[in-house]
Amino acid sequence: MGNAYAVNQEVNTANVNVATNGVLNISSVQDSKSVQMKSSPKSLFSSSVSATTKATTTNIASNLTANNLTIETTKEDINITGSNIDAQQQLSLNSAKDINIKAGYMAA
């Protein structure tokens, strides 16, 4: 087994076991948009043009939901970024090294 990735995933079931001997990454994706708006002069004698640019970045999470949820690495890290992990009964995170949980990024 090697590294395992779950990116922008939806899982909703009774029991989930995710295991690897490599790095396990559960992460979101980012949707970035940029819109540029230009306005023309209001009179024939004006030559100024104004431009406005608006950029947004939206975090789209991975969602793992189960009654019982086990996430395990036998040799490396577990990295959870901008995602939701929800166990109604039992949640188990087992890592040989670090468990890193980070927020996702959104900007307007």
PDB file of N, CA and C in Angstrom:
ATOM      1  N   MET A   1       0.842  -1.176   0.000  1.00  0.00           N
ATOM      2  CA  MET A   1       0.000   0.000   0.000  1.00  0.00           C
ATOM      3  C   MET A   1       0.887   1.240   0.000  1.00  0.00           C
ATOM      4  N   GLY A   2       0.383   2.306  -0.615  1.00  0.00           N
ATOM      5  CA  GLY A   2       1.108   3.568  -0.633  1.00  0.00           C
ATOM      6  C   GLY A   2       0.282   4.662  -0.012  1.00  0.00           C
ATOM      7  N   ASN A   3       0.443   5.868  -0.528  1.00  0.00           N
ATOM      8  CA  ASN A   3      -0.323   7.006  -0.028  1.00  0.00           C
ATOM      9  C   ASN A   3      -1.776   6.895  -0.457  1.00  0.00           C
ATOM     10  N   ALA A   4      -2.677   7.485   0.330  1.00  0.00           N
ATOM     11  CA  ALA A   4      -4.107   7.466   0.013  1.00  0.00           C
ATOM     12  C   ALA A   4      -4.633   8.892   0.021  1.00  0.00           C
ATOM     13  N   TYR A   5      -5.487   9.203  -0.962  1.00  0.00           N
ATOM     14  CA  TYR A   5      -6.047  10.544  -1.094  1.00  0.00           C
ATOM     15  C   TYR A   5      -7.561  10.462  -1.234  1.00  0.00           C
ATOM     16  N   ALA A   6      -8.269  11.322  -0.501  1.00  0.00           N
ATOM     17  CA  ALA A   6      -9.708  11.514  -0.686  1.00  0.00           C
ATOM     18  C   ALA A   6      -9.895  13.013  -0.871  1.00  0.00           C
ATOM     19  N   VAL A   7     -10.192  13.428  -2.096  1.00  0.00           N
ATOM     20  CA  VAL A   7     -10.310  14.849  -2.415  1.00  0.00           C
ATOM     21  C   VAL A   7     -11.714  15.111  -2.934  1.00  0.00           C
ATOM     22  N   ASN A   8     -12.418  16.053  -2.290  1.00  0.00           N
ATOM     23  CA  ASN A   8     -13.775  16.437  -2.678  1.00  0.00           C
ATOM     24  C   ASN A   8     -14.683  15.207  -2.761  1.00  0.00           C
ATOM     25  N   GLN A   9     -14.711  14.415  -1.708  1.00  0.00           N
ATOM     26  CA  GLN A   9     -15.482  13.177  -1.663  1.00  0.00           C
ATOM     27  C   GLN A   9     -16.670  13.299  -0.715  1.00  0.00           C
ATOM     28  N   GLU A  10     -17.743  12.588  -1.035  1.00  0.00           N
ATOM     29  CA  GLU A  10     -18.923  12.466  -0.178  1.00  0.00           C
ATOM     30  C   GLU A  10     -19.095  10.990   0.159  1.00  0.00           C
ATOM     31  N   VAL A  11     -18.987  10.646   1.439  1.00  0.00           N
ATOM     32  CA  VAL A  11     -19.193   9.265   1.883  1.00  0.00           C
ATOM     33  C   VAL A  11     -20.163   9.306   3.053  1.00  0.00           C
ATOM     34  N   ASN A  12     -21.261   8.556   2.959  1.00  0.00           N
ATOM     35  CA  ASN A  12     -22.248   8.494   4.026  1.00  0.00           C
ATOM     36  C   ASN A  12     -22.744   7.052   4.095  1.00  0.00           C
ATOM     37  N   THR A  13     -22.293   6.321   5.101  1.00  0.00           N
ATOM     38  CA  THR A  13     -22.619   4.903   5.195  1.00  0.00           C
ATOM     39  C   THR A  13     -22.566   4.458   6.658  1.00  0.00           C
ATOM     40  N   ALA A  14     -22.856   3.192   6.912  1.00  0.00           N
ATOM     41  CA  ALA A  14     -22.885   2.692   8.289  1.00  0.00           C
ATOM     42  C   ALA A  14     -21.494   2.626   8.905  1.00  0.00           C
ATOM     43  N   ASN A  15     -20.546   1.982   8.228  1.00  0.00           N
ATOM     44  CA  ASN A  15     -19.197   1.808   8.769  1.00  0.00           C
ATOM     45  C   ASN A  15     -18.171   2.110   7.684  1.00  0.00           C
ATOM     46  N   VAL A  16     -17.137   2.871   8.047  1.00  0.00           N
ATOM     47  CA  VAL A  16     -16.073   3.205   7.103  1.00  0.00           C
ATOM     48  C   VAL A  16     -14.731   2.908   7.753  1.00  0.00           C
ATOM     49  N   ASN A  17     -13.871   2.184   7.037  1.00  0.00           N
ATOM     50  CA  ASN A  17     -12.485   1.957   7.437  1.00  0.00           C
ATOM     51  C   ASN A  17     -11.601   2.466   6.307  1.00  0.00           C
ATOM     52  N   VAL A  18     -10.730   3.423   6.621  1.00  0.00           N
ATOM     53  CA  VAL A  18      -9.767   3.945   5.660  1.00  0.00           C
ATOM     54  C   VAL A  18      -8.395   3.640   6.230  1.00  0.00           C
ATOM     55  N   ALA A  19      -7.588   2.859   5.507  1.00  0.00           N
ATOM     56  CA  ALA A  19      -6.284   2.461   6.041  1.00  0.00           C
ATOM     57  C   ALA A  19      -5.240   2.449   4.935  1.00  0.00           C
ATOM     58  N   THR A  20      -4.008   2.825   5.299  1.00  0.00           N
ATOM     59  CA  THR A  20      -2.871   2.784   4.386  1.00  0.00           C
ATOM     60  C   THR A  20      -1.591   2.720   5.205  1.00  0.00           C
ATOM     61  N   ASN A  21      -0.490   2.331   4.572  1.00  0.00           N
ATOM     62  CA  ASN A  21       0.790   2.408   5.266  1.00  0.00           C
ATOM     63  C   ASN A  21       1.556   3.662   4.855  1.00  0.00           C
ATOM     64  N   GLY A  22       1.000   4.440   3.929  1.00  0.00           N
ATOM     65  CA  GLY A  22       1.604   5.705   3.515  1.00  0.00           C
ATOM     66  C   GLY A  22       0.895   6.875   4.163  1.00  0.00           C
ATOM     67  N   VAL A  23       1.085   8.052   3.591  1.00  0.00           N
ATOM     68  CA  VAL A  23       0.405   9.258   4.069  1.00  0.00           C
ATOM     69  C   VAL A  23      -1.053   9.183   3.657  1.00  0.00           C
ATOM     70  N   LEU A  24      -1.964   9.547   4.563  1.00  0.00           N
ATOM     71  CA  LEU A  24      -3.394   9.561   4.259  1.00  0.00           C
ATOM     72  C   LEU A  24      -3.866  11.014   4.255  1.00  0.00           C
ATOM     73  N   ASN A  25      -4.329  11.499   3.095  1.00  0.00           N
ATOM     74  CA  ASN A  25      -4.791  12.879   2.940  1.00  0.00           C
ATOM     75  C   ASN A  25      -6.279  12.904   2.645  1.00  0.00           C
ATOM     76  N   ILE A  26      -7.032  13.604   3.471  1.00  0.00           N
ATOM     77  CA  ILE A  26      -8.450  13.862   3.226  1.00  0.00           C
ATOM     78  C   ILE A  26      -8.548  15.371   3.082  1.00  0.00           C
ATOM     79  N   SER A  27      -8.892  15.826   1.889  1.00  0.00           N
ATOM     80  CA  SER A  27      -8.820  17.268   1.674  1.00  0.00           C
ATOM     81  C   SER A  27      -9.950  17.781   0.798  1.00  0.00           C
ATOM     82  N   SER A  28     -10.044  19.092   0.794  1.00  0.00           N
ATOM     83  CA  SER A  28     -11.021  19.797  -0.013  1.00  0.00           C
ATOM     84  C   SER A  28     -10.374  20.208  -1.331  1.00  0.00           C
ATOM     85  N   VAL A  29     -11.186  20.759  -2.198  1.00  0.00           N
ATOM     86  CA  VAL A  29     -10.679  21.415  -3.401  1.00  0.00           C
ATOM     87  C   VAL A  29     -11.080  22.876  -3.318  1.00  0.00           C
ATOM     88  N   GLN A  30     -10.374  23.704  -4.054  1.00  0.00           N
ATOM     89  CA  GLN A  30     -10.706  25.120  -4.077  1.00  0.00           C
ATOM     90  C   GLN A  30     -11.215  25.490  -5.453  1.00  0.00           C
ATOM     91  N   ASP A  31     -12.320  26.217  -5.468  1.00  0.00           N
ATOM     92  CA  ASP A  31     -12.907  26.730  -6.698  1.00  0.00           C
ATOM     93  C   ASP A  31     -12.641  28.233  -6.716  1.00  0.00           C
ATOM     94  N   SER A  32     -11.804  28.676  -7.632  1.00  0.00           N
ATOM     95  CA  SER A  32     -11.454  30.098  -7.714  1.00  0.00           C
ATOM     96  C   SER A  32     -12.072  30.713  -8.956  1.00  0.00           C
ATOM     97  N   LYS A  33     -12.628  31.903  -8.788  1.00  0.00           N
ATOM     98  CA  LYS A  33     -13.249  32.626  -9.898  1.00  0.00           C
ATOM     99  C   LYS A  33     -12.784  34.070  -9.869  1.00  0.00           C
ATOM    100  N   SER A  34     -12.624  34.635 -11.046  1.00  0.00           N
ATOM    101  CA  SER A  34     -12.259  36.037 -11.167  1.00  0.00           C
ATOM    102  C   SER A  34     -13.146  36.666 -12.235  1.00  0.00           C
ATOM    103  N   VAL A  35     -13.774  37.786 -11.905  1.00  0.00           N
ATOM    104  CA  VAL A  35     -14.668  38.485 -12.829  1.00  0.00           C
ATOM    105  C   VAL A  35     -14.173  39.916 -12.960  1.00  0.00           C
ATOM    106  N   GLN A  36     -14.037  40.369 -14.210  1.00  0.00           N
ATOM    107  CA  GLN A  36     -13.638  41.754 -14.435  1.00  0.00           C
ATOM    108  C   GLN A  36     -14.793  42.489 -15.102  1.00  0.00           C
ATOM    109  N   MET A  37     -15.143  43.649 -14.527  1.00  0.00           N
ATOM    110  CA  MET A  37     -16.229  44.472 -15.059  1.00  0.00           C
ATOM    111  C   MET A  37     -15.654  45.811 -15.493  1.00  0.00           C
ATOM    112  N   LYS A  38     -16.046  46.260 -16.690  1.00  0.00           N
ATOM    113  CA  LYS A  38     -15.601  47.555 -17.199  1.00  0.00           C
ATOM    114  C   LYS A  38     -16.822  48.421 -17.440  1.00  0.00           C
ATOM    115  N   SER A  39     -16.679  49.701 -17.125  1.00  0.00           N
ATOM    116  CA  SER A  39     -17.770  50.632 -17.410  1.00  0.00           C
ATOM    117  C   SER A  39     -17.258  51.705 -18.362  1.00  0.00           C
ATOM    118  N   SER A  40     -18.071  51.995 -19.342  1.00  0.00           N
ATOM    119  CA  SER A  40     -17.733  52.994 -20.357  1.00  0.00           C
ATOM    120  C   SER A  40     -18.131  54.375 -19.877  1.00  0.00           C
ATOM    121  N   PRO A  41     -17.581  55.419 -20.503  1.00  0.00           N
ATOM    122  CA  PRO A  41     -17.938  56.786 -20.116  1.00  0.00           C
ATOM    123  C   PRO A  41     -19.417  57.064 -20.350  1.00  0.00           C
ATOM    124  N   LYS A  42     -19.948  57.947 -19.533  1.00  0.00           N
ATOM    125  CA  LYS A  42     -21.375  58.272 -19.628  1.00  0.00           C
ATOM    126  C   LYS A  42     -21.653  59.360 -20.661  1.00  0.00           C
ATOM    127  N   SER A  43     -20.622  60.060 -21.117  1.00  0.00           N
ATOM    128  CA  SER A  43     -20.846  61.081 -22.144  1.00  0.00           C
ATOM    129  C   SER A  43     -19.850  60.882 -23.277  1.00  0.00           C
ATOM    130  N   LEU A  44     -20.125  61.463 -24.399  1.00  0.00           N
ATOM    131  CA  LEU A  44     -19.261  61.339 -25.561  1.00  0.00           C
ATOM    132  C   LEU A  44     -17.922  62.035 -25.361  1.00  0.00           C
ATOM    133  N   PHE A  45     -17.850  63.014 -24.474  1.00  0.00           N
ATOM    134  CA  PHE A  45     -16.649  63.816 -24.294  1.00  0.00           C
ATOM    135  C   PHE A  45     -15.727  63.278 -23.199  1.00  0.00           C
ATOM    136  N   SER A  46     -16.122  62.219 -22.536  1.00  0.00           N
ATOM    137  CA  SER A  46     -15.308  61.626 -21.475  1.00  0.00           C
ATOM    138  C   SER A  46     -14.596  60.389 -22.021  1.00  0.00           C
ATOM    139  N   SER A  47     -13.317  60.263 -21.713  1.00  0.00           N
ATOM    140  CA  SER A  47     -12.562  59.117 -22.225  1.00  0.00           C
ATOM    141  C   SER A  47     -12.163  58.126 -21.133  1.00  0.00           C
ATOM    142  N   SER A  48     -12.566  58.378 -19.915  1.00  0.00           N
ATOM    143  CA  SER A  48     -12.161  57.482 -18.833  1.00  0.00           C
ATOM    144  C   SER A  48     -13.011  56.212 -18.821  1.00  0.00           C
ATOM    145  N   VAL A  49     -12.331  55.115 -18.583  1.00  0.00           N
ATOM    146  CA  VAL A  49     -12.989  53.815 -18.452  1.00  0.00           C
ATOM    147  C   VAL A  49     -12.550  53.242 -17.115  1.00  0.00           C
ATOM    148  N   SER A  50     -13.496  52.768 -16.335  1.00  0.00           N
ATOM    149  CA  SER A  50     -13.126  52.161 -15.054  1.00  0.00           C
ATOM    150  C   SER A  50     -13.295  50.644 -15.137  1.00  0.00           C
ATOM    151  N   ALA A  51     -12.391  49.950 -14.461  1.00  0.00           N
ATOM    152  CA  ALA A  51     -12.434  48.486 -14.439  1.00  0.00           C
ATOM    153  C   ALA A  51     -12.361  48.015 -12.994  1.00  0.00           C
ATOM    154  N   THR A  52     -13.165  47.024 -12.679  1.00  0.00           N
ATOM    155  CA  THR A  52     -13.181  46.427 -11.347  1.00  0.00           C
ATOM    156  C   THR A  52     -13.021  44.918 -11.503  1.00  0.00           C
ATOM    157  N   THR A  53     -12.131  44.349 -10.716  1.00  0.00           N
ATOM    158  CA  THR A  53     -11.936  42.903 -10.727  1.00  0.00           C
ATOM    159  C   THR A  53     -12.320  42.350  -9.363  1.00  0.00           C
ATOM    160  N   LYS A  54     -13.130  41.298  -9.375  1.00  0.00           N
ATOM    161  CA  LYS A  54     -13.527  40.640  -8.134  1.00  0.00           C
ATOM    162  C   LYS A  54     -13.119  39.173  -8.225  1.00  0.00           C
ATOM    163  N   ALA A  55     -12.359  38.731  -7.233  1.00  0.00           N
ATOM    164  CA  ALA A  55     -11.916  37.336  -7.188  1.00  0.00           C
ATOM    165  C   ALA A  55     -12.485  36.668  -5.942  1.00  0.00           C
ATOM    166  N   THR A  56     -12.939  35.439  -6.089  1.00  0.00           N
ATOM    167  CA  THR A  56     -13.431  34.665  -4.949  1.00  0.00           C
ATOM    168  C   THR A  56     -12.806  33.268  -4.985  1.00  0.00           C
ATOM    169  N   THR A  57     -12.551  32.739  -3.814  1.00  0.00           N
ATOM    170  CA  THR A  57     -12.073  31.366  -3.675  1.00  0.00           C
ATOM    171  C   THR A  57     -12.991  30.662  -2.682  1.00  0.00           C
ATOM    172  N   THR A  58     -13.565  29.553  -3.110  1.00  0.00           N
ATOM    173  CA  THR A  58     -14.491  28.795  -2.276  1.00  0.00           C
ATOM    174  C   THR A  58     -13.899  27.423  -1.976  1.00  0.00           C
ATOM    175  N   ASN A  59     -13.954  27.033  -0.720  1.00  0.00           N
ATOM    176  CA  ASN A  59     -13.493  25.720  -0.288  1.00  0.00           C
ATOM    177  C   ASN A  59     -14.644  24.720  -0.437  1.00  0.00           C
ATOM    178  N   ILE A  60     -14.422  23.619  -1.148  1.00  0.00           N
ATOM    179  CA  ILE A  60     -15.430  22.568  -1.296  1.00  0.00           C
ATOM    180  C   ILE A  60     -14.910  21.346  -0.538  1.00  0.00           C
ATOM    181  N   ALA A  61     -15.534  21.051   0.582  1.00  0.00           N
ATOM    182  CA  ALA A  61     -15.033  20.048   1.530  1.00  0.00           C
ATOM    183  C   ALA A  61     -15.287  18.621   1.075  1.00  0.00           C
ATOM    184  N   SER A  62     -14.436  17.720   1.559  1.00  0.00           N
ATOM    185  CA  SER A  62     -14.744  16.293   1.548  1.00  0.00           C
ATOM    186  C   SER A  62     -15.561  16.023   2.805  1.00  0.00           C
ATOM    187  N   ASN A  63     -16.531  15.134   2.712  1.00  0.00           N
ATOM    188  CA  ASN A  63     -17.404  14.817   3.844  1.00  0.00           C
ATOM    189  C   ASN A  63     -17.443  13.309   4.048  1.00  0.00           C
ATOM    190  N   LEU A  64     -16.946  12.849   5.193  1.00  0.00           N
ATOM    191  CA  LEU A  64     -17.014  11.437   5.559  1.00  0.00           C
ATOM    192  C   LEU A  64     -17.931  11.310   6.765  1.00  0.00           C
ATOM    193  N   THR A  65     -19.052  10.614   6.589  1.00  0.00           N
ATOM    194  CA  THR A  65     -20.051  10.450   7.642  1.00  0.00           C
ATOM    195  C   THR A  65     -20.369   8.962   7.781  1.00  0.00           C
ATOM    196  N   ALA A  66     -20.342   8.470   9.012  1.00  0.00           N
ATOM    197  CA  ALA A  66     -20.646   7.058   9.252  1.00  0.00           C
ATOM    198  C   ALA A  66     -21.061   6.874  10.704  1.00  0.00           C
ATOM    199  N   ASN A  67     -21.691   5.747  10.996  1.00  0.00           N
ATOM    200  CA  ASN A  67     -21.951   5.401  12.391  1.00  0.00           C
ATOM    201  C   ASN A  67     -20.627   5.160  13.106  1.00  0.00           C
ATOM    202  N   ASN A  68     -19.760   4.356  12.482  1.00  0.00           N
ATOM    203  CA  ASN A  68     -18.431   4.047  13.014  1.00  0.00           C
ATOM    204  C   ASN A  68     -17.416   4.360  11.925  1.00  0.00           C
ATOM    205  N   LEU A  69     -16.410   5.159  12.264  1.00  0.00           N
ATOM    206  CA  LEU A  69     -15.436   5.621  11.279  1.00  0.00           C
ATOM    207  C   LEU A  69     -14.025   5.414  11.818  1.00  0.00           C
ATOM    208  N   THR A  70     -13.212   4.660  11.081  1.00  0.00           N
ATOM    209  CA  THR A  70     -11.822   4.416  11.456  1.00  0.00           C
ATOM    210  C   THR A  70     -10.919   4.913  10.336  1.00  0.00           C
ATOM    211  N   ILE A  71      -9.965   5.770  10.696  1.00  0.00           N
ATOM    212  CA  ILE A  71      -8.977   6.290   9.755  1.00  0.00           C
ATOM    213  C   ILE A  71      -7.611   5.943  10.338  1.00  0.00           C
ATOM    214  N   GLU A  72      -6.781   5.223   9.544  1.00  0.00           N
ATOM    215  CA  GLU A  72      -5.546   4.685  10.120  1.00  0.00           C
ATOM    216  C   GLU A  72      -4.401   4.684   9.109  1.00  0.00           C
ATOM    217  N   THR A  73      -3.203   5.082   9.583  1.00  0.00           N
ATOM    218  CA  THR A  73      -1.964   4.896   8.830  1.00  0.00           C
ATOM    219  C   THR A  73      -1.004   4.106   9.715  1.00  0.00           C
ATOM    220  N   THR A  74      -0.295   3.177   9.116  1.00  0.00           N
ATOM    221  CA  THR A  74       0.612   2.347   9.911  1.00  0.00           C
ATOM    222  C   THR A  74       2.048   2.858   9.916  1.00  0.00           C
ATOM    223  N   LYS A  75       2.397   3.792   8.982  1.00  0.00           N
ATOM    224  CA  LYS A  75       3.775   4.283   8.932  1.00  0.00           C
ATOM    225  C   LYS A  75       3.899   5.801   8.813  1.00  0.00           C
ATOM    226  N   GLU A  76       2.834   6.511   8.445  1.00  0.00           N
ATOM    227  CA  GLU A  76       2.962   7.939   8.129  1.00  0.00           C
ATOM    228  C   GLU A  76       1.891   8.779   8.825  1.00  0.00           C
ATOM    229  N   ASP A  77       1.650   9.997   8.291  1.00  0.00           N
ATOM    230  CA  ASP A  77       0.724  10.977   8.865  1.00  0.00           C
ATOM    231  C   ASP A  77      -0.695  10.822   8.332  1.00  0.00           C
ATOM    232  N   ILE A  78      -1.646  11.351   9.111  1.00  0.00           N
ATOM    233  CA  ILE A  78      -3.009  11.604   8.649  1.00  0.00           C
ATOM    234  C   ILE A  78      -3.133  13.116   8.511  1.00  0.00           C
ATOM    235  N   ASN A  79      -3.547  13.584   7.319  1.00  0.00           N
ATOM    236  CA  ASN A  79      -3.743  15.010   7.058  1.00  0.00           C
ATOM    237  C   ASN A  79      -5.189  15.240   6.647  1.00  0.00           C
ATOM    238  N   ILE A  80      -5.909  16.036   7.424  1.00  0.00           N
ATOM    239  CA  ILE A  80      -7.300  16.376   7.119  1.00  0.00           C
ATOM    240  C   ILE A  80      -7.348  17.889   6.932  1.00  0.00           C
ATOM    241  N   THR A  81      -7.718  18.335   5.722  1.00  0.00           N
ATOM    242  CA  THR A  81      -7.719  19.759   5.402  1.00  0.00           C
ATOM    243  C   THR A  81      -9.070  20.168   4.829  1.00  0.00           C
ATOM    244  N   GLY A  82      -9.712  21.134   5.469  1.00  0.00           N
ATOM    245  CA  GLY A  82     -10.959  21.706   4.959  1.00  0.00           C
ATOM    246  C   GLY A  82     -12.056  20.692   4.737  1.00  0.00           C
ATOM    247  N   SER A  83     -12.136  19.680   5.578  1.00  0.00           N
ATOM    248  CA  SER A  83     -13.089  18.590   5.387  1.00  0.00           C
ATOM    249  C   SER A  83     -13.844  18.295   6.672  1.00  0.00           C
ATOM    250  N   ASN A  84     -14.932  17.552   6.533  1.00  0.00           N
ATOM    251  CA  ASN A  84     -15.793  17.211   7.662  1.00  0.00           C
ATOM    252  C   ASN A  84     -15.736  15.709   7.911  1.00  0.00           C
ATOM    253  N   ILE A  85     -15.407  15.342   9.141  1.00  0.00           N
ATOM    254  CA  ILE A  85     -15.365  13.946   9.567  1.00  0.00           C
ATOM    255  C   ILE A  85     -16.402  13.802  10.676  1.00  0.00           C
ATOM    256  N   ASP A  86     -17.409  12.943  10.465  1.00  0.00           N
ATOM    257  CA  ASP A  86     -18.518  12.846  11.417  1.00  0.00           C
ATOM    258  C   ASP A  86     -18.854  11.379  11.674  1.00  0.00           C
ATOM    259  N   ALA A  87     -18.721  10.958  12.925  1.00  0.00           N
ATOM    260  CA  ALA A  87     -19.101   9.603  13.328  1.00  0.00           C
ATOM    261  C   ALA A  87     -20.189   9.718  14.390  1.00  0.00           C
ATOM    262  N   GLN A  88     -21.342   9.104  14.138  1.00  0.00           N
ATOM    263  CA  GLN A  88     -22.441   9.170  15.099  1.00  0.00           C
ATOM    264  C   GLN A  88     -22.159   8.351  16.356  1.00  0.00           C
ATOM    265  N   GLN A  89     -21.388   7.263  16.229  1.00  0.00           N
ATOM    266  CA  GLN A  89     -21.120   6.416  17.387  1.00  0.00           C
ATOM    267  C   GLN A  89     -19.643   6.411  17.772  1.00  0.00           C
ATOM    268  N   GLN A  90     -18.769   5.945  16.886  1.00  0.00           N
ATOM    269  CA  GLN A  90     -17.358   5.820  17.255  1.00  0.00           C
ATOM    270  C   GLN A  90     -16.465   6.355  16.141  1.00  0.00           C
ATOM    271  N   LEU A  91     -15.513   7.239  16.528  1.00  0.00           N
ATOM    272  CA  LEU A  91     -14.506   7.773  15.613  1.00  0.00           C
ATOM    273  C   LEU A  91     -13.135   7.371  16.127  1.00  0.00           C
ATOM    274  N   SER A  92     -12.313   6.814  15.240  1.00  0.00           N
ATOM    275  CA  SER A  92     -10.963   6.412  15.623  1.00  0.00           C
ATOM    276  C   SER A  92      -9.979   6.933  14.581  1.00  0.00           C
ATOM    277  N   LEU A  93      -9.018   7.773  15.037  1.00  0.00           N
ATOM    278  CA  LEU A  93      -7.927   8.252  14.194  1.00  0.00           C
ATOM    279  C   LEU A  93      -6.636   7.672  14.757  1.00  0.00           C
ATOM    280  N   ASN A  94      -5.987   6.782  14.018  1.00  0.00           N
ATOM    281  CA  ASN A  94      -4.759   6.132  14.473  1.00  0.00           C
ATOM    282  C   ASN A  94      -3.657   6.409  13.466  1.00  0.00           C
ATOM    283  N   SER A  95      -2.568   7.034  13.932  1.00  0.00           N
ATOM    284  CA  SER A  95      -1.470   7.373  13.043  1.00  0.00           C
ATOM    285  C   SER A  95      -0.146   6.979  13.677  1.00  0.00           C
ATOM    286  N   ALA A  96       0.762   6.459  12.860  1.00  0.00           N
ATOM    287  CA  ALA A  96       2.103   6.135  13.350  1.00  0.00           C
ATOM    288  C   ALA A  96       2.892   7.405  13.645  1.00  0.00           C
ATOM    289  N   LYS A  97       2.545   8.494  12.964  1.00  0.00           N
ATOM    290  CA  LYS A  97       3.251   9.765  13.173  1.00  0.00           C
ATOM    291  C   LYS A  97       2.256  10.825  13.634  1.00  0.00           C
ATOM    292  N   ASP A  98       2.039  11.863  12.833  1.00  0.00           N
ATOM    293  CA  ASP A  98       1.203  12.994  13.244  1.00  0.00           C
ATOM    294  C   ASP A  98      -0.204  12.915  12.672  1.00  0.00           C
ATOM    295  N   ILE A  99      -1.143  13.553  13.385  1.00  0.00           N
ATOM    296  CA  ILE A  99      -2.495  13.791  12.885  1.00  0.00           C
ATOM    297  C   ILE A  99      -2.624  15.303  12.744  1.00  0.00           C
ATOM    298  N   ASN A 100      -2.761  15.778  11.494  1.00  0.00           N
ATOM    299  CA  ASN A 100      -2.824  17.210  11.200  1.00  0.00           C
ATOM    300  C   ASN A 100      -4.217  17.564  10.706  1.00  0.00           C
ATOM    301  N   ILE A 101      -4.893  18.465  11.419  1.00  0.00           N
ATOM    302  CA  ILE A 101      -6.235  18.908  11.036  1.00  0.00           C
ATOM    303  C   ILE A 101      -6.158  20.407  10.796  1.00  0.00           C
ATOM    304  N   LYS A 102      -6.478  20.821   9.554  1.00  0.00           N
ATOM    305  CA  LYS A 102      -6.363  22.228   9.172  1.00  0.00           C
ATOM    306  C   LYS A 102      -7.660  22.709   8.540  1.00  0.00           C
ATOM    307  N   ALA A 103      -7.950  23.980   8.746  1.00  0.00           N
ATOM    308  CA  ALA A 103      -9.135  24.598   8.156  1.00  0.00           C
ATOM    309  C   ALA A 103      -8.928  24.797   6.659  1.00  0.00           C
ATOM    310  N   GLY A 104     -10.041  24.835   5.932  1.00  0.00           N
ATOM    311  CA  GLY A 104      -9.992  25.183   4.518  1.00  0.00           C
ATOM    312  C   GLY A 104      -9.901  26.685   4.367  1.00  0.00           C
ATOM    313  N   TYR A 105      -9.703  27.153   3.146  1.00  0.00           N
ATOM    314  CA  TYR A 105      -9.488  28.572   2.880  1.00  0.00           C
ATOM    315  C   TYR A 105     -10.585  29.101   1.979  1.00  0.00           C
ATOM    316  N   MET A 106     -11.199  30.201   2.389  1.00  0.00           N
ATOM    317  CA  MET A 106     -12.188  30.891   1.561  1.00  0.00           C
ATOM    318  C   MET A 106     -11.831  32.365   1.530  1.00  0.00           C
ATOM    319  N   ALA A 107     -11.969  32.980   0.383  1.00  0.00           N
ATOM    320  CA  ALA A 107     -11.664  34.408   0.265  1.00  0.00           C
ATOM    321  C   ALA A 107     -12.620  35.050  -0.722  1.00  0.00           C
ATOM    322  N   ALA A 108     -12.898  36.321  -0.484  1.00  0.00           N
ATOM    323  CA  ALA A 108     -13.746  37.079  -1.408  1.00  0.00           C
ATOM    324  C   ALA A 108     -13.057  38.370  -1.759  1.00  0.00           C
TER     325      ALA A 108
END
